[in-house]
Amino acid sequence: RDFNERCAQCSEVNWGLTDGGRFYCRSCHNVTERTREVVNTDFISNTRIQTISKGLRKQEKTDGGCEWYVCEGFQLVLKKQAEALEALGVCPQMKDEILCNFWRRYLQKSKQAYCKRPAGETVKALSVCDSSTDVDSEPERPSLLHLLSLSESEGDLQTDCSFASSTSKVSESTSVYSGSVDGSLYLMKNQKEKLRMTMPMTLSFCYMALLWLREPMTLSDLLRFVVEGHIPYLNVFQHFPEKMKLCGLDLKIFCVESWPVYEEVYNKMLELAAFLDLPRFPDITDSCFLHPDMLCMKYLMEANLPDELHNWTCRVVKKICIGESDFLTLVPGNKSTRNVKYDVLAAAVIVVVLKLLFLLDDHYEWLLSDFAEERNKNNKEGGSYFEFKKWYEVIKCSLDVEQKKLDEERAK
């Protein structure tokens, strides 16, 4: 009653108190840094001693953990992944300016935070909760089946993180099946109309931020860093603080047993960009690293192919008009524009050039190799001719060694 300041989010004066003693707006659930002076009864009965609460979440007496939500877990994962990308040389503004704003917009669009919710929904949920009993006839602890029916009937309600905090009964029941407050509800709620967060989607968020900044890192590079362990993904639970206990259904959400798939991460990135109503991404010009001319040069060097092939790749790119900024730039939600996979496009251009020069019909390339070998024997002046057969044997041997290592890691 003594706190009459207007909410910075919605300008309402309708304050409540969290379990940690901080003020939150009942209209939009915005939590402030302001805390209430809490009183203790040590000296005189029925009186209170003034202490300032630190605003910590309510501690569980059983395991020493704290209350946390699934979206907070994914927020921690994104933070760790962004820090790893920074360590790899990505622009520092990616985490605090780009990725953070994307994440906030996602929470708002999916009605998990930064949004208003009708006041009647909490009351309705409480009434449903109070009127139901589980198999053991314990009204204070709804059964898993009851939570399932509740999530189906109140689909939009379950997307709001504040729901679990506003109903202690649901909070108690979810803690039975998971360490997070809303782990059970998260897996049971209907998400056909909204994008439900998953571990591969964390990489979609990172790639979307990289693409917005036009960083010199393709999706295949990102996934390679994940496989090599430079970016937290497979064992991301190791980065969770001790107070955020992962158990039960949380393991199904945050623990992955396979490497991310290129198509899944890419398609989710496109869905995310459209879901967030993002504007046209910054233009991909010929001076940008993601341009086919730049990437072709990179891949020609990595594949140990002759530098002279770059002239041919540039000619192909110009001939078929795939180097234009309108073709390369992502426009979310616009079905008339092409969705370009920059690394795949560059590799395809190189293959097209090799087919133009060597035909690649399993006959003509070897014939040309024999011809080049003979010319190189008699050629004592000038540079040597490119031998496709010799190049193939060297590259194939290197690929087999790396593929064997990859298969062993995948098996582990």
Protein backbone atom coordinates (compact mmCIF):
# COMPACT_ATOMS: atom_id res chain seq x y z
CA ARG A 1 0.00 0.00 0.00
CA ASP A 2 2.91 2.35 0.66
CA PHE A 3 4.42 1.79 -2.82
CA ASN A 4 2.60 4.08 -5.26
CA GLU A 5 5.07 4.44 -8.12
CA ARG A 6 3.81 3.70 -11.62
CA CYS A 7 5.03 0.58 -13.41
CA ALA A 8 7.70 1.33 -16.00
CA GLN A 9 6.24 -1.32 -18.30
CA CYS A 10 2.49 -0.54 -18.33
CA SER A 11 2.17 2.61 -16.12
CA GLU A 12 -0.29 0.85 -13.79
CA VAL A 13 -0.23 1.11 -9.98
CA ASN A 14 -1.13 -2.43 -9.00
CA TRP A 15 1.71 -3.96 -7.02
CA GLY A 16 2.16 -7.35 -5.44
CA LEU A 17 5.03 -9.05 -3.63
CA THR A 18 7.11 -11.98 -4.86
CA ASP A 19 8.29 -14.72 -2.50
CA GLY A 20 11.65 -12.98 -2.41
CA GLY A 21 10.14 -9.70 -1.23
CA ARG A 22 10.39 -7.74 -4.47
CA PHE A 23 7.51 -5.73 -5.92
CA TYR A 24 5.92 -6.99 -9.15
CA CYS A 25 3.15 -5.48 -11.27
CA ARG A 26 -0.04 -7.54 -11.20
CA SER A 27 -1.03 -6.16 -14.61
CA CYS A 28 2.05 -7.02 -16.69
CA HIS A 29 4.13 -9.04 -14.16
CA ASN A 30 7.12 -6.75 -14.47
CA VAL A 31 9.42 -7.33 -11.45
CA THR A 32 11.21 -4.27 -10.01
CA GLU A 33 14.47 -4.05 -8.12
CA ARG A 34 12.63 -2.38 -5.22
CA THR A 35 12.20 -4.65 -2.21
CA ARG A 36 9.90 -4.44 0.75
CA GLU A 37 11.21 -4.00 4.28
CA VAL A 38 10.48 -7.30 5.96
CA VAL A 39 10.08 -7.60 9.69
CA ASN A 40 11.04 -10.29 12.19
CA THR A 41 9.64 -11.17 15.63
CA ASP A 42 12.65 -11.87 17.78
CA PHE A 43 12.46 -9.23 20.51
CA ILE A 44 8.75 -8.64 21.10
CA SER A 45 5.88 -10.93 20.22
CA ASN A 46 3.57 -9.81 17.38
CA THR A 47 6.10 -7.17 16.23
CA ARG A 48 8.57 -7.21 13.34
CA ILE A 49 12.23 -6.36 12.92
CA GLN A 50 13.19 -4.53 9.74
CA THR A 51 15.52 -6.30 7.30
CA ILE A 52 16.00 -5.81 3.60
CA SER A 53 15.26 -8.84 1.47
CA LYS A 54 17.81 -9.57 -1.25
CA GLY A 55 15.08 -10.62 -3.62
CA LEU A 56 16.24 -14.21 -3.92
CA ARG A 57 13.78 -16.82 -5.04
CA LYS A 58 12.23 -19.04 -2.40
CA GLN A 59 14.69 -21.72 -1.41
CA GLU A 60 13.52 -25.30 -1.35
CA LYS A 61 14.14 -26.87 2.06
CA THR A 62 14.62 -30.35 0.68
CA ASP A 63 17.51 -30.01 -1.78
CA GLY A 64 18.74 -26.45 -1.39
CA GLY A 65 17.61 -25.53 -4.91
CA CYS A 66 15.64 -22.50 -6.00
CA GLU A 67 12.50 -22.06 -8.05
CA TRP A 68 13.24 -21.56 -11.74
CA TYR A 69 11.36 -21.73 -15.01
CA VAL A 70 12.16 -23.51 -18.25
CA CYS A 71 12.55 -20.22 -20.13
CA GLU A 72 15.17 -19.17 -17.55
CA GLY A 73 17.06 -22.36 -18.30
CA PHE A 74 17.08 -21.61 -22.02
CA GLN A 75 18.10 -18.03 -21.25
CA LEU A 76 21.13 -19.38 -19.40
CA VAL A 77 21.96 -21.67 -22.33
CA LEU A 78 21.77 -18.76 -24.79
CA LYS A 79 23.98 -16.66 -22.53
CA LYS A 80 26.65 -19.38 -22.37
CA GLN A 81 26.51 -19.95 -26.13
CA ALA A 82 26.82 -16.21 -26.83
CA GLU A 83 29.82 -15.97 -24.49
CA ALA A 84 31.44 -18.90 -26.29
CA LEU A 85 30.89 -17.19 -29.65
CA GLU A 86 32.43 -14.00 -28.26
CA ALA A 87 35.47 -16.02 -27.22
CA LEU A 88 35.68 -17.28 -30.82
CA GLY A 89 35.89 -13.70 -32.09
CA VAL A 90 32.29 -12.72 -32.76
CA CYS A 91 31.34 -9.04 -32.30
CA PRO A 92 30.67 -8.35 -28.57
CA GLN A 93 27.38 -6.57 -29.31
CA MET A 94 25.87 -9.87 -30.46
CA LYS A 95 25.00 -11.00 -26.93
CA ASP A 96 23.78 -7.81 -25.24
CA GLU A 97 22.23 -5.97 -28.18
CA ILE A 98 21.11 -8.46 -30.81
CA LEU A 99 20.55 -11.86 -29.20
CA CYS A 100 19.13 -10.36 -26.01
CA ASN A 101 16.55 -8.32 -27.94
CA PHE A 102 15.59 -11.35 -30.05
CA TRP A 103 15.08 -13.36 -26.87
CA ARG A 104 12.98 -10.66 -25.20
CA ARG A 105 10.82 -10.38 -28.30
CA TYR A 106 10.35 -14.16 -28.32
CA LEU A 107 9.25 -14.16 -24.67
CA GLN A 108 6.78 -11.40 -25.42
CA LYS A 109 5.43 -13.01 -28.61
CA SER A 110 5.03 -16.37 -26.89
CA LYS A 111 3.37 -14.64 -23.90
CA GLN A 112 5.94 -15.82 -21.38
CA ALA A 113 7.04 -12.32 -20.29
CA TYR A 114 6.79 -8.59 -21.14
CA CYS A 115 3.07 -8.88 -21.76
CA LYS A 116 -0.33 -8.22 -20.15
CA ARG A 117 -2.60 -11.09 -19.16
CA PRO A 118 -6.30 -10.93 -18.26
CA ALA A 119 -6.67 -10.99 -14.48
CA GLY A 120 -9.46 -13.57 -14.63
CA GLU A 121 -7.23 -16.32 -15.96
CA THR A 122 -5.38 -16.86 -12.68
CA VAL A 123 -8.62 -16.96 -10.71
CA LYS A 124 -10.10 -19.41 -13.19
CA ALA A 125 -7.05 -21.64 -12.93
CA LEU A 126 -7.19 -21.56 -9.14
CA SER A 127 -10.84 -22.51 -9.12
CA VAL A 128 -10.16 -25.44 -11.44
CA CYS A 129 -7.26 -26.46 -9.27
CA ASP A 130 -9.28 -26.30 -6.04
CA SER A 131 -12.23 -28.22 -7.47
CA SER A 132 -10.15 -31.19 -8.62
CA THR A 133 -8.62 -34.03 -6.66
CA ASP A 134 -6.15 -36.72 -7.63
CA VAL A 135 -6.27 -40.46 -7.09
CA ASP A 136 -5.22 -40.17 -3.43
CA SER A 137 -7.88 -37.48 -2.76
CA GLU A 138 -5.33 -34.80 -1.93
CA PRO A 139 -6.74 -31.48 -3.13
CA GLU A 140 -3.49 -29.62 -2.48
CA ARG A 141 -1.49 -31.78 -4.89
CA PRO A 142 -3.16 -32.21 -8.34
CA SER A 143 -2.30 -35.36 -10.21
CA LEU A 144 -0.33 -35.53 -13.46
CA LEU A 145 -3.56 -36.29 -15.33
CA HIS A 146 -5.15 -33.18 -13.84
CA LEU A 147 -2.22 -31.05 -14.95
CA LEU A 148 -2.60 -32.53 -18.42
CA SER A 149 -6.27 -31.63 -18.59
CA LEU A 150 -5.53 -28.18 -17.19
CA SER A 151 -2.87 -27.53 -19.80
CA GLU A 152 -5.19 -28.64 -22.58
CA SER A 153 -8.10 -26.46 -21.45
CA GLU A 154 -5.95 -23.43 -20.62
CA GLY A 155 -3.35 -23.57 -23.39
CA ASP A 156 -2.58 -19.84 -23.43
CA LEU A 157 -2.41 -19.74 -19.65
CA GLN A 158 0.45 -22.19 -19.47
CA THR A 159 2.65 -20.03 -21.69
CA ASP A 160 2.90 -17.38 -18.98
CA CYS A 161 5.69 -17.98 -16.47
CA SER A 162 3.86 -16.05 -13.77
CA PHE A 163 1.10 -18.65 -13.74
CA ALA A 164 3.18 -21.14 -11.77
CA SER A 165 4.23 -18.49 -9.27
CA SER A 166 0.66 -17.28 -8.80
CA THR A 167 -0.65 -20.76 -8.01
CA SER A 168 1.34 -22.49 -5.33
CA LYS A 169 -0.60 -25.72 -5.82
CA VAL A 170 0.55 -26.08 -9.42
CA SER A 171 4.07 -25.08 -8.38
CA GLU A 172 4.17 -27.85 -5.78
CA SER A 173 2.92 -30.46 -8.22
CA THR A 174 5.35 -29.59 -10.99
CA SER A 175 8.31 -29.85 -8.64
CA VAL A 176 7.41 -33.52 -8.15
CA TYR A 177 8.06 -34.31 -11.82
CA SER A 178 10.85 -31.84 -12.57
CA GLY A 179 13.35 -29.54 -10.92
CA SER A 180 11.90 -26.53 -12.70
CA VAL A 181 8.60 -24.99 -11.69
CA ASP A 182 6.90 -25.46 -15.06
CA GLY A 183 8.74 -28.46 -16.50
CA SER A 184 5.65 -30.70 -16.54
CA LEU A 185 3.38 -28.02 -17.96
CA TYR A 186 5.98 -27.08 -20.54
CA LEU A 187 6.03 -30.53 -22.11
CA MET A 188 2.27 -30.99 -21.92
CA LYS A 189 1.00 -27.65 -23.24
CA ASN A 190 -0.25 -27.32 -26.78
CA GLN A 191 2.23 -25.36 -28.89
CA LYS A 192 0.83 -25.75 -32.40
CA GLU A 193 0.34 -22.03 -32.84
CA LYS A 194 3.54 -20.98 -31.08
CA LEU A 195 7.18 -22.00 -31.32
CA ARG A 196 8.10 -23.99 -28.24
CA MET A 197 11.74 -23.53 -27.26
CA THR A 198 14.07 -26.50 -27.76
CA MET A 199 17.81 -27.02 -27.62
CA PRO A 200 18.25 -26.91 -31.44
CA MET A 201 16.36 -23.61 -31.38
CA THR A 202 19.07 -22.08 -29.19
CA LEU A 203 21.43 -22.54 -32.15
CA SER A 204 18.75 -21.05 -34.43
CA PHE A 205 18.75 -17.96 -32.20
CA CYS A 206 22.55 -17.75 -32.36
CA TYR A 207 22.65 -18.16 -36.14
CA MET A 208 19.91 -15.54 -36.57
CA ALA A 209 21.98 -13.08 -34.52
CA LEU A 210 25.13 -13.93 -36.50
CA LEU A 211 23.25 -13.41 -39.76
CA TRP A 212 21.86 -10.06 -38.57
CA LEU A 213 25.42 -8.88 -37.84
CA ARG A 214 26.70 -10.45 -41.10
CA GLU A 215 29.41 -12.19 -39.12
CA PRO A 216 31.91 -14.32 -41.09
CA MET A 217 30.47 -17.53 -39.65
CA THR A 218 28.14 -19.76 -41.63
CA LEU A 219 25.70 -22.25 -40.16
CA SER A 220 28.02 -25.13 -40.99
CA ASP A 221 30.80 -23.34 -39.09
CA LEU A 222 28.48 -22.88 -36.11
CA LEU A 223 27.52 -26.56 -36.07
CA ARG A 224 31.17 -27.58 -36.43
CA PHE A 225 32.08 -25.53 -33.36
CA VAL A 226 29.25 -27.28 -31.51
CA VAL A 227 30.53 -30.72 -32.50
CA GLU A 228 34.07 -29.79 -31.50
CA GLY A 229 32.85 -28.64 -28.09
CA HIS A 230 33.67 -24.94 -28.47
CA ILE A 231 29.99 -23.99 -28.00
CA PRO A 232 27.95 -25.48 -25.10
CA TYR A 233 25.27 -27.82 -26.37
CA LEU A 234 25.68 -31.54 -25.73
CA ASN A 235 26.58 -31.22 -22.03
CA VAL A 236 25.02 -27.84 -21.43
CA PHE A 237 23.63 -28.99 -18.05
CA GLN A 238 27.16 -28.76 -16.69
CA HIS A 239 26.92 -24.97 -16.95
CA PHE A 240 23.78 -24.75 -14.80
CA PRO A 241 24.36 -23.37 -11.27
CA GLU A 242 23.95 -25.77 -8.38
CA LYS A 243 20.73 -24.11 -7.21
CA MET A 244 19.04 -24.86 -10.55
CA LYS A 245 18.44 -28.54 -10.09
CA LEU A 246 17.85 -30.55 -13.27
CA CYS A 247 15.84 -33.69 -12.73
CA GLY A 248 12.95 -35.63 -14.19
CA LEU A 249 11.38 -33.91 -17.17
CA ASP A 250 14.06 -31.20 -17.22
CA LEU A 251 16.51 -33.77 -18.54
CA LYS A 252 14.18 -34.42 -21.47
CA ILE A 253 14.16 -30.70 -22.25
CA PHE A 254 17.83 -29.74 -21.81
CA CYS A 255 19.82 -32.94 -22.31
CA VAL A 256 20.46 -33.91 -25.94
CA GLU A 257 21.89 -37.17 -27.15
CA SER A 258 22.69 -36.26 -30.74
CA TRP A 259 24.35 -33.48 -32.67
CA PRO A 260 22.17 -30.78 -34.20
CA VAL A 261 20.89 -31.28 -37.74
CA TYR A 262 21.60 -28.54 -40.28
CA GLU A 263 18.11 -28.52 -41.82
CA GLU A 264 16.34 -28.45 -38.46
CA VAL A 265 18.38 -25.51 -37.14
CA TYR A 266 18.02 -23.58 -40.40
CA ASN A 267 14.27 -24.13 -40.78
CA LYS A 268 13.64 -23.15 -37.16
CA MET A 269 15.64 -19.97 -37.74
CA LEU A 270 13.33 -19.06 -40.63
CA GLU A 271 10.26 -19.80 -38.49
CA LEU A 272 11.67 -17.73 -35.64
CA ALA A 273 12.40 -14.73 -37.86
CA ALA A 274 8.83 -14.80 -39.19
CA PHE A 275 7.34 -15.42 -35.72
CA LEU A 276 9.18 -12.41 -34.30
CA ASP A 277 8.06 -10.19 -37.21
CA LEU A 278 11.65 -9.13 -37.86
CA PRO A 279 12.27 -6.61 -40.64
CA ARG A 280 14.50 -7.21 -43.66
CA PHE A 281 17.96 -8.30 -42.54
CA PRO A 282 21.00 -6.14 -43.41
CA ASP A 283 21.92 -6.50 -47.08
CA ILE A 284 24.46 -9.11 -48.16
CA THR A 285 26.69 -7.21 -50.59
CA ASP A 286 29.74 -8.29 -52.58
CA SER A 287 31.98 -6.94 -49.80
CA CYS A 288 30.26 -9.14 -47.19
CA PHE A 289 31.89 -12.39 -46.16
CA LEU A 290 28.66 -14.34 -46.76
CA HIS A 291 28.67 -13.38 -50.46
CA PRO A 292 29.25 -16.38 -52.77
CA ASP A 293 32.44 -14.85 -54.21
CA MET A 294 33.97 -14.62 -50.72
CA LEU A 295 32.83 -18.05 -49.58
CA CYS A 296 33.96 -19.70 -52.81
CA MET A 297 37.48 -18.40 -52.27
CA LYS A 298 37.42 -19.74 -48.71
CA TYR A 299 36.20 -23.20 -49.73
CA LEU A 300 38.61 -23.42 -52.68
CA MET A 301 41.47 -22.86 -50.25
CA GLU A 302 40.09 -25.34 -47.71
CA ALA A 303 39.61 -27.98 -50.43
CA ASN A 304 43.14 -27.31 -51.74
CA LEU A 305 41.83 -26.52 -55.22
CA PRO A 306 43.68 -24.16 -57.62
CA ASP A 307 43.19 -20.43 -56.99
CA GLU A 308 42.51 -19.97 -60.70
CA LEU A 309 39.11 -21.61 -60.20
CA HIS A 310 37.94 -18.52 -58.32
CA ASN A 311 37.74 -16.58 -61.57
CA TRP A 312 35.36 -19.23 -62.92
CA THR A 313 33.19 -19.26 -59.78
CA CYS A 314 32.82 -15.48 -59.98
CA ARG A 315 31.76 -15.78 -63.62
CA VAL A 316 29.14 -18.40 -62.75
CA VAL A 317 27.79 -16.29 -59.87
CA LYS A 318 27.48 -13.27 -62.13
CA LYS A 319 25.99 -15.25 -65.03
CA ILE A 320 23.11 -16.75 -63.02
CA CYS A 321 22.56 -13.58 -60.90
CA ILE A 322 22.94 -15.17 -57.47
CA GLY A 323 25.27 -12.44 -56.22
CA GLU A 324 22.60 -9.75 -56.02
CA SER A 325 21.75 -8.39 -52.57
CA ASP A 326 18.01 -8.88 -53.17
CA PHE A 327 18.65 -12.57 -53.80
CA LEU A 328 20.96 -13.08 -50.83
CA THR A 329 19.29 -10.93 -48.14
CA LEU A 330 16.81 -12.61 -45.79
CA VAL A 331 13.31 -11.10 -45.70
CA PRO A 332 11.40 -12.92 -42.90
CA GLY A 333 7.93 -14.13 -43.80
CA ASN A 334 8.22 -13.18 -47.48
CA LYS A 335 7.47 -16.34 -49.45
CA SER A 336 8.33 -14.70 -52.77
CA THR A 337 12.04 -14.41 -51.86
CA ARG A 338 14.48 -17.29 -51.76
CA ASN A 339 15.88 -18.51 -48.46
CA VAL A 340 19.59 -18.84 -49.17
CA LYS A 341 21.93 -21.26 -47.41
CA TYR A 342 25.13 -19.34 -48.04
CA ASP A 343 27.60 -22.14 -47.38
CA VAL A 344 25.62 -24.67 -49.45
CA LEU A 345 25.27 -22.17 -52.31
CA ALA A 346 29.02 -21.52 -52.45
CA ALA A 347 29.83 -25.23 -52.40
CA ALA A 348 27.30 -25.82 -55.18
CA VAL A 349 28.92 -23.12 -57.34
CA ILE A 350 32.31 -24.85 -56.96
CA VAL A 351 30.79 -28.19 -57.98
CA VAL A 352 29.19 -26.56 -61.04
CA VAL A 353 32.57 -25.09 -62.07
CA LEU A 354 34.28 -28.47 -61.66
CA LYS A 355 31.59 -30.06 -63.82
CA LEU A 356 32.05 -27.39 -66.48
CA LEU A 357 35.81 -27.97 -66.61
CA PHE A 358 36.15 -31.70 -65.88
CA LEU A 359 32.64 -33.02 -66.64
CA LEU A 360 32.83 -35.34 -63.60
CA ASP A 361 31.29 -38.36 -65.33
CA ASP A 362 33.83 -40.79 -63.76
CA HIS A 363 35.65 -41.00 -67.08
CA TYR A 364 36.53 -37.62 -68.50
CA GLU A 365 38.17 -36.29 -65.32
CA TRP A 366 40.56 -39.27 -65.20
CA LEU A 367 41.32 -38.89 -68.91
CA LEU A 368 42.25 -35.25 -68.35
CA SER A 369 44.35 -36.26 -65.33
CA ASP A 370 46.39 -38.67 -67.42
CA PHE A 371 46.83 -35.97 -70.05
CA ALA A 372 47.94 -33.42 -67.41
CA GLU A 373 50.35 -35.95 -65.90
CA GLU A 374 52.03 -36.48 -69.26
CA ARG A 375 52.23 -32.73 -69.89
CA ASN A 376 53.78 -32.16 -66.43
CA LYS A 377 56.50 -34.74 -67.15
CA ASN A 378 57.54 -32.94 -70.30
CA ASN A 379 56.92 -29.46 -68.92
CA LYS A 380 60.15 -28.17 -67.42
CA GLU A 381 59.25 -24.50 -67.57
CA GLY A 382 56.29 -22.66 -66.03
CA GLY A 383 53.68 -23.97 -63.62
CA SER A 384 52.38 -27.51 -63.54
CA TYR A 385 48.97 -28.54 -64.81
CA PHE A 386 46.25 -29.45 -62.31
CA GLU A 387 45.84 -33.22 -61.93
CA PHE A 388 42.35 -34.08 -60.74
CA LYS A 389 43.33 -37.67 -59.92
CA LYS A 390 46.24 -36.65 -57.71
CA TRP A 391 44.07 -34.04 -55.94
CA TYR A 392 41.31 -36.61 -55.37
CA GLU A 393 43.67 -39.18 -53.84
CA VAL A 394 45.14 -36.68 -51.37
CA ILE A 395 41.78 -35.22 -50.36
CA LYS A 396 40.07 -38.62 -50.12
CA CYS A 397 42.74 -39.88 -47.73
CA SER A 398 42.35 -36.82 -45.50
CA LEU A 399 38.56 -37.09 -45.57
CA ASP A 400 38.64 -40.77 -44.60
CA VAL A 401 40.81 -40.01 -41.56
CA GLU A 402 38.52 -37.18 -40.41
CA GLN A 403 35.37 -39.22 -41.10
CA LYS A 404 36.71 -42.05 -38.93
CA LYS A 405 37.29 -39.62 -36.05
CA LEU A 406 33.81 -38.20 -36.54
CA ASP A 407 32.20 -41.65 -36.49
CA GLU A 408 34.04 -42.54 -33.28
CA GLU A 409 32.90 -39.34 -31.59
CA ARG A 410 29.34 -39.89 -32.77
CA ALA A 411 29.40 -43.42 -31.36
CA LYS A 412 30.61 -42.11 -28.00
